[in-house]
Amino acid sequence: MYSKKDDLCSIISKIGQGDDLLEQIYETIKTEMAEYIDEQRTQAGYYHNKFFKNERSIGLVRNFLKKKNGFIDVIQ
């Protein structure tokens, strides 16, 4: 049986192999995440250590990246 975890393992293996497309996607997401977190830090009640432990915050990040890129899928 093939699963999304298999996809994730495949992606992880490509990271170490220097896959240019994967590297470009990673850099794009990393830059956009930094911009998003910088924006969130200005919001009242933001606490960085708890941000990614909150389902609502994870949903906000997912929606932000999906809007900007249109290719984000959830791997469970």
N, C-alpha and C. Protein backbone atom coordinates (compact mmCIF):
# COMPACT_ATOMS: atom_id res chain seq x y z
N MET A 1 0.85 -1.18 0.00
CA MET A 1 0.00 0.00 0.00
C MET A 1 0.89 1.25 0.00
N TYR A 2 0.58 2.17 -0.85
CA TYR A 2 1.34 3.41 -1.00
C TYR A 2 0.63 4.51 -0.21
N SER A 3 1.40 5.33 0.50
CA SER A 3 0.78 6.37 1.32
C SER A 3 1.47 7.71 1.12
N LYS A 4 0.88 8.73 1.68
CA LYS A 4 1.49 10.06 1.61
C LYS A 4 2.80 10.09 2.38
N LYS A 5 2.94 9.20 3.35
CA LYS A 5 4.22 9.10 4.08
C LYS A 5 5.33 8.66 3.14
N ASP A 6 4.99 7.80 2.18
CA ASP A 6 5.97 7.38 1.18
C ASP A 6 6.42 8.58 0.35
N ASP A 7 5.46 9.45 0.01
CA ASP A 7 5.80 10.68 -0.73
C ASP A 7 6.76 11.54 0.09
N LEU A 8 6.46 11.67 1.36
CA LEU A 8 7.30 12.48 2.24
C LEU A 8 8.71 11.90 2.33
N CYS A 9 8.80 10.59 2.47
CA CYS A 9 10.12 9.94 2.52
C CYS A 9 10.89 10.17 1.22
N SER A 10 10.20 10.13 0.10
CA SER A 10 10.83 10.38 -1.19
C SER A 10 11.36 11.81 -1.27
N ILE A 11 10.56 12.75 -0.80
CA ILE A 11 10.99 14.15 -0.80
C ILE A 11 12.21 14.34 0.09
N ILE A 12 12.17 13.76 1.27
CA ILE A 12 13.29 13.89 2.20
C ILE A 12 14.56 13.32 1.60
N SER A 13 14.46 12.21 0.89
CA SER A 13 15.66 11.63 0.28
C SER A 13 16.22 12.54 -0.81
N LYS A 14 15.36 13.28 -1.50
CA LYS A 14 15.83 14.19 -2.55
C LYS A 14 16.55 15.41 -1.97
N ILE A 15 16.21 15.77 -0.74
CA ILE A 15 16.86 16.93 -0.12
C ILE A 15 18.37 16.70 -0.05
N GLY A 16 18.76 15.52 0.37
CA GLY A 16 20.18 15.20 0.49
C GLY A 16 20.88 15.01 -0.83
N GLN A 17 20.12 14.84 -1.91
CA GLN A 17 20.70 14.60 -3.22
C GLN A 17 20.87 15.87 -4.04
N GLY A 18 20.48 17.01 -3.48
CA GLY A 18 20.65 18.27 -4.19
C GLY A 18 19.66 18.50 -5.31
N ASP A 19 18.44 18.05 -5.17
CA ASP A 19 17.39 18.26 -6.18
C ASP A 19 17.10 19.75 -6.30
N ASP A 20 17.38 20.35 -7.46
CA ASP A 20 17.25 21.80 -7.64
C ASP A 20 15.84 22.32 -7.47
N LEU A 21 14.86 21.62 -8.03
CA LEU A 21 13.48 22.06 -7.91
C LEU A 21 13.02 22.03 -6.46
N LEU A 22 13.34 20.96 -5.78
CA LEU A 22 12.97 20.85 -4.37
C LEU A 22 13.64 21.94 -3.54
N GLU A 23 14.89 22.21 -3.83
CA GLU A 23 15.62 23.27 -3.13
C GLU A 23 14.96 24.63 -3.36
N GLN A 24 14.54 24.89 -4.59
CA GLN A 24 13.88 26.15 -4.92
C GLN A 24 12.55 26.28 -4.18
N ILE A 25 11.78 25.21 -4.15
CA ILE A 25 10.50 25.22 -3.43
C ILE A 25 10.74 25.45 -1.94
N TYR A 26 11.73 24.76 -1.40
CA TYR A 26 12.06 24.92 0.02
C TYR A 26 12.44 26.37 0.34
N GLU A 27 13.28 26.97 -0.48
CA GLU A 27 13.71 28.34 -0.25
C GLU A 27 12.52 29.31 -0.34
N THR A 28 11.63 29.08 -1.28
CA THR A 28 10.44 29.92 -1.42
C THR A 28 9.59 29.85 -0.16
N ILE A 29 9.31 28.64 0.28
CA ILE A 29 8.48 28.46 1.48
C ILE A 29 9.17 29.03 2.70
N LYS A 30 10.45 28.82 2.83
CA LYS A 30 11.20 29.33 3.98
C LYS A 30 11.13 30.85 4.03
N THR A 31 11.31 31.51 2.90
CA THR A 31 11.25 32.97 2.84
C THR A 31 9.86 33.47 3.17
N GLU A 32 8.85 32.84 2.59
CA GLU A 32 7.47 33.26 2.85
C GLU A 32 7.06 33.01 4.29
N MET A 33 7.53 31.92 4.87
CA MET A 33 7.23 31.65 6.28
C MET A 33 7.87 32.70 7.18
N ALA A 34 9.09 33.10 6.87
CA ALA A 34 9.75 34.14 7.66
C ALA A 34 8.98 35.44 7.60
N GLU A 35 8.51 35.79 6.41
CA GLU A 35 7.70 37.01 6.26
C GLU A 35 6.40 36.89 7.06
N TYR A 36 5.76 35.74 6.97
CA TYR A 36 4.50 35.53 7.68
C TYR A 36 4.70 35.61 9.20
N ILE A 37 5.73 34.96 9.70
CA ILE A 37 6.00 34.99 11.15
C ILE A 37 6.33 36.40 11.60
N ASP A 38 7.09 37.15 10.79
CA ASP A 38 7.38 38.54 11.14
C ASP A 38 6.09 39.35 11.26
N GLU A 39 5.13 39.11 10.36
CA GLU A 39 3.83 39.79 10.43
C GLU A 39 3.08 39.38 11.70
N GLN A 40 3.10 38.10 12.01
CA GLN A 40 2.37 37.60 13.17
C GLN A 40 2.94 38.13 14.48
N ARG A 41 4.23 38.32 14.53
CA ARG A 41 4.87 38.83 15.76
C ARG A 41 4.36 40.20 16.16
N THR A 42 3.83 40.95 15.21
CA THR A 42 3.31 42.28 15.53
C THR A 42 1.90 42.23 16.10
N GLN A 43 1.27 41.05 16.04
CA GLN A 43 -0.10 40.91 16.53
C GLN A 43 -0.11 40.76 18.06
N ALA A 44 -1.11 41.38 18.67
CA ALA A 44 -1.26 41.26 20.12
C ALA A 44 -1.50 39.80 20.48
N GLY A 45 -0.86 39.34 21.52
CA GLY A 45 -1.04 37.97 22.00
C GLY A 45 -0.18 36.93 21.33
N TYR A 46 0.66 37.34 20.38
CA TYR A 46 1.54 36.37 19.70
C TYR A 46 2.61 35.89 20.68
N TYR A 47 2.77 34.61 20.75
CA TYR A 47 3.82 34.00 21.58
C TYR A 47 4.47 32.90 20.74
N HIS A 48 5.68 33.14 20.30
CA HIS A 48 6.35 32.28 19.33
C HIS A 48 6.43 30.82 19.78
N ASN A 49 6.76 30.59 21.03
CA ASN A 49 6.93 29.22 21.51
C ASN A 49 5.65 28.38 21.43
N LYS A 50 4.50 29.03 21.41
CA LYS A 50 3.23 28.30 21.34
C LYS A 50 2.60 28.34 19.95
N PHE A 51 3.13 29.15 19.07
CA PHE A 51 2.48 29.38 17.78
C PHE A 51 2.24 28.09 17.01
N PHE A 52 3.24 27.24 16.85
CA PHE A 52 3.10 26.03 16.04
C PHE A 52 2.52 24.85 16.80
N LYS A 53 2.17 25.07 18.05
CA LYS A 53 1.51 24.03 18.83
C LYS A 53 -0.01 24.21 18.82
N ASN A 54 -0.46 25.23 18.14
CA ASN A 54 -1.87 25.60 18.11
C ASN A 54 -2.45 25.23 16.74
N GLU A 55 -3.51 24.42 16.73
CA GLU A 55 -4.13 24.00 15.47
C GLU A 55 -4.60 25.20 14.64
N ARG A 56 -5.11 26.22 15.29
CA ARG A 56 -5.58 27.41 14.58
C ARG A 56 -4.41 28.07 13.85
N SER A 57 -3.28 28.19 14.52
CA SER A 57 -2.10 28.80 13.91
C SER A 57 -1.60 27.99 12.72
N ILE A 58 -1.60 26.69 12.87
CA ILE A 58 -1.16 25.83 11.78
C ILE A 58 -2.09 25.99 10.59
N GLY A 59 -3.39 26.10 10.85
CA GLY A 59 -4.35 26.34 9.79
C GLY A 59 -4.13 27.67 9.09
N LEU A 60 -3.80 28.70 9.87
CA LEU A 60 -3.51 30.02 9.30
C LEU A 60 -2.29 29.96 8.38
N VAL A 61 -1.26 29.27 8.82
CA VAL A 61 -0.04 29.13 8.01
C VAL A 61 -0.36 28.36 6.74
N ARG A 62 -1.10 27.27 6.87
CA ARG A 62 -1.47 26.46 5.71
C ARG A 62 -2.25 27.29 4.69
N ASN A 63 -3.21 28.06 5.17
CA ASN A 63 -4.01 28.90 4.28
C ASN A 63 -3.17 29.99 3.63
N PHE A 64 -2.27 30.59 4.40
CA PHE A 64 -1.38 31.62 3.87
C PHE A 64 -0.54 31.07 2.72
N LEU A 65 0.08 29.92 2.93
CA LEU A 65 0.93 29.32 1.89
C LEU A 65 0.10 28.85 0.70
N LYS A 66 -1.08 28.33 0.97
CA LYS A 66 -1.93 27.87 -0.13
C LYS A 66 -2.36 29.04 -1.01
N LYS A 67 -2.70 30.17 -0.37
CA LYS A 67 -3.09 31.36 -1.14
C LYS A 67 -1.94 31.87 -1.99
N LYS A 68 -0.75 31.91 -1.42
CA LYS A 68 0.41 32.45 -2.13
C LYS A 68 0.90 31.52 -3.22
N ASN A 69 0.80 30.22 -2.99
CA ASN A 69 1.43 29.26 -3.91
C ASN A 69 0.47 28.31 -4.61
N GLY A 70 -0.64 28.03 -3.98
CA GLY A 70 -1.63 27.15 -4.59
C GLY A 70 -1.20 25.70 -4.74
N PHE A 71 -0.15 25.27 -4.03
CA PHE A 71 0.28 23.89 -4.19
C PHE A 71 0.47 23.17 -2.87
N ILE A 72 0.10 23.78 -1.78
CA ILE A 72 0.31 23.17 -0.47
C ILE A 72 -0.75 22.09 -0.23
N ASP A 73 -0.30 20.92 0.13
CA ASP A 73 -1.17 19.81 0.46
C ASP A 73 -0.77 19.33 1.84
N VAL A 74 -1.71 18.81 2.57
CA VAL A 74 -1.41 18.32 3.91
C VAL A 74 -0.99 16.87 3.83
N ILE A 75 0.14 16.55 4.41
CA ILE A 75 0.61 15.17 4.48
C ILE A 75 0.38 14.71 5.91
N GLN A 76 -0.41 13.66 6.05
CA GLN A 76 -0.73 13.15 7.40
C GLN A 76 -0.07 11.82 7.60
